[in-house]
Every structure is written in structure tokens, then in C-alpha cells.
Amino acid sequence: GRFFQAGDKFVIPVETYPYTSTDEFQFTTKLGNISATDKKALFDKVNVFPNPLYCYNPQTSYNQVAPDEPFVTFSNLPGDVTINIFTLSGTRIRTLTTKDKPSPTSPFLRWNLKNEDGLRAASGMYLAIVASPGYGNKVMKFAIIIPQKQIKWY
């Protein structure tokens, strides 16, 4: 069954300023299937975050701990999607598909910054072309900044 019914109120207790007991916000949700227009509007909101990605964790900089495993996340994705990631020079470094999502219905896809050969992407600007049948393509740019690490001993 459903958790909430039409007309139910969801109260969030807030004990600090600036909210007062007279503040009231209303919203509606759509249950079940959403319209094609709403799906297209959601596809227009496809995003990649964090942008820029600054890959640095001071806890793993010079000690013997395993290196960071940074990633970026693509959000608001439809069920059937292909993401091609390119350098600014036009070299395709990775293709991600629905199979790379945690589940086929998930709106998220996490990229671990590795190319098709398993090597980490370098610092720089990248283009992601998100393609989905019925919605077309969306081109996004994002930055990866990986600081230079110095080894303690050599």
C-alpha cells in the first residue's frame, strides 16, 4: 500500500529561527507513471557532481593508507542511457551505460574516473554526452583537479 494518502500532512518540527508556527508550505507529488513531458523535463536536469571535482584528502596524502578513490555522479538519468566521456581534444576515454548503474531504474550513475583501460583520468576539463532514446542528447562539461602528490621517499 501507500504510506501517505491524499490530504495527509507531513510535519517537520523546526525549533530554531527563522521559521514560525504560521509558516506553511504545500507541494504535490505524482504517483505512478509520469507524463512524457515531465520525463523530458527531468532529462533536461541531468547533471554531474561534484563539479569541479577536487580529488584530495589530507588523511591519505603522505602516509601508507590506500589512495583516495574519487568519483563523480551523474544524476536525473532515465532508465536507458549511454554516457560518453571525452577529453577536450575529442578523445573518448570512457563509455558508461545502463549496466553501470546500481540498478536499471536508478537515476544515478557513479563514474570512478577510470578510462576503458582502467587508468585514472588526468586533471583537466572533460565533456560528457548523455544520450537516451526518446530524449536526445545532453552535453555537459566538468572539471577534474587532481593535485600533484609528492612521495616521501624515493
Foldseek 3Di string as FASTA:
>chain_A
DDPDDPPDDDDDDDDDPDDDPPDDDDDDDDPDDDDLVVLLVLVVVWDKPDFAAEQDDVVPFADPDDGDQDKIKIFSAALWKKKWKAAPVGHTFAIDTCVQDPHSHHRMHIDRQAGPVRDHHAWDKMWIWMQDPPNGIDIDIGTYHYDDGDYPDD
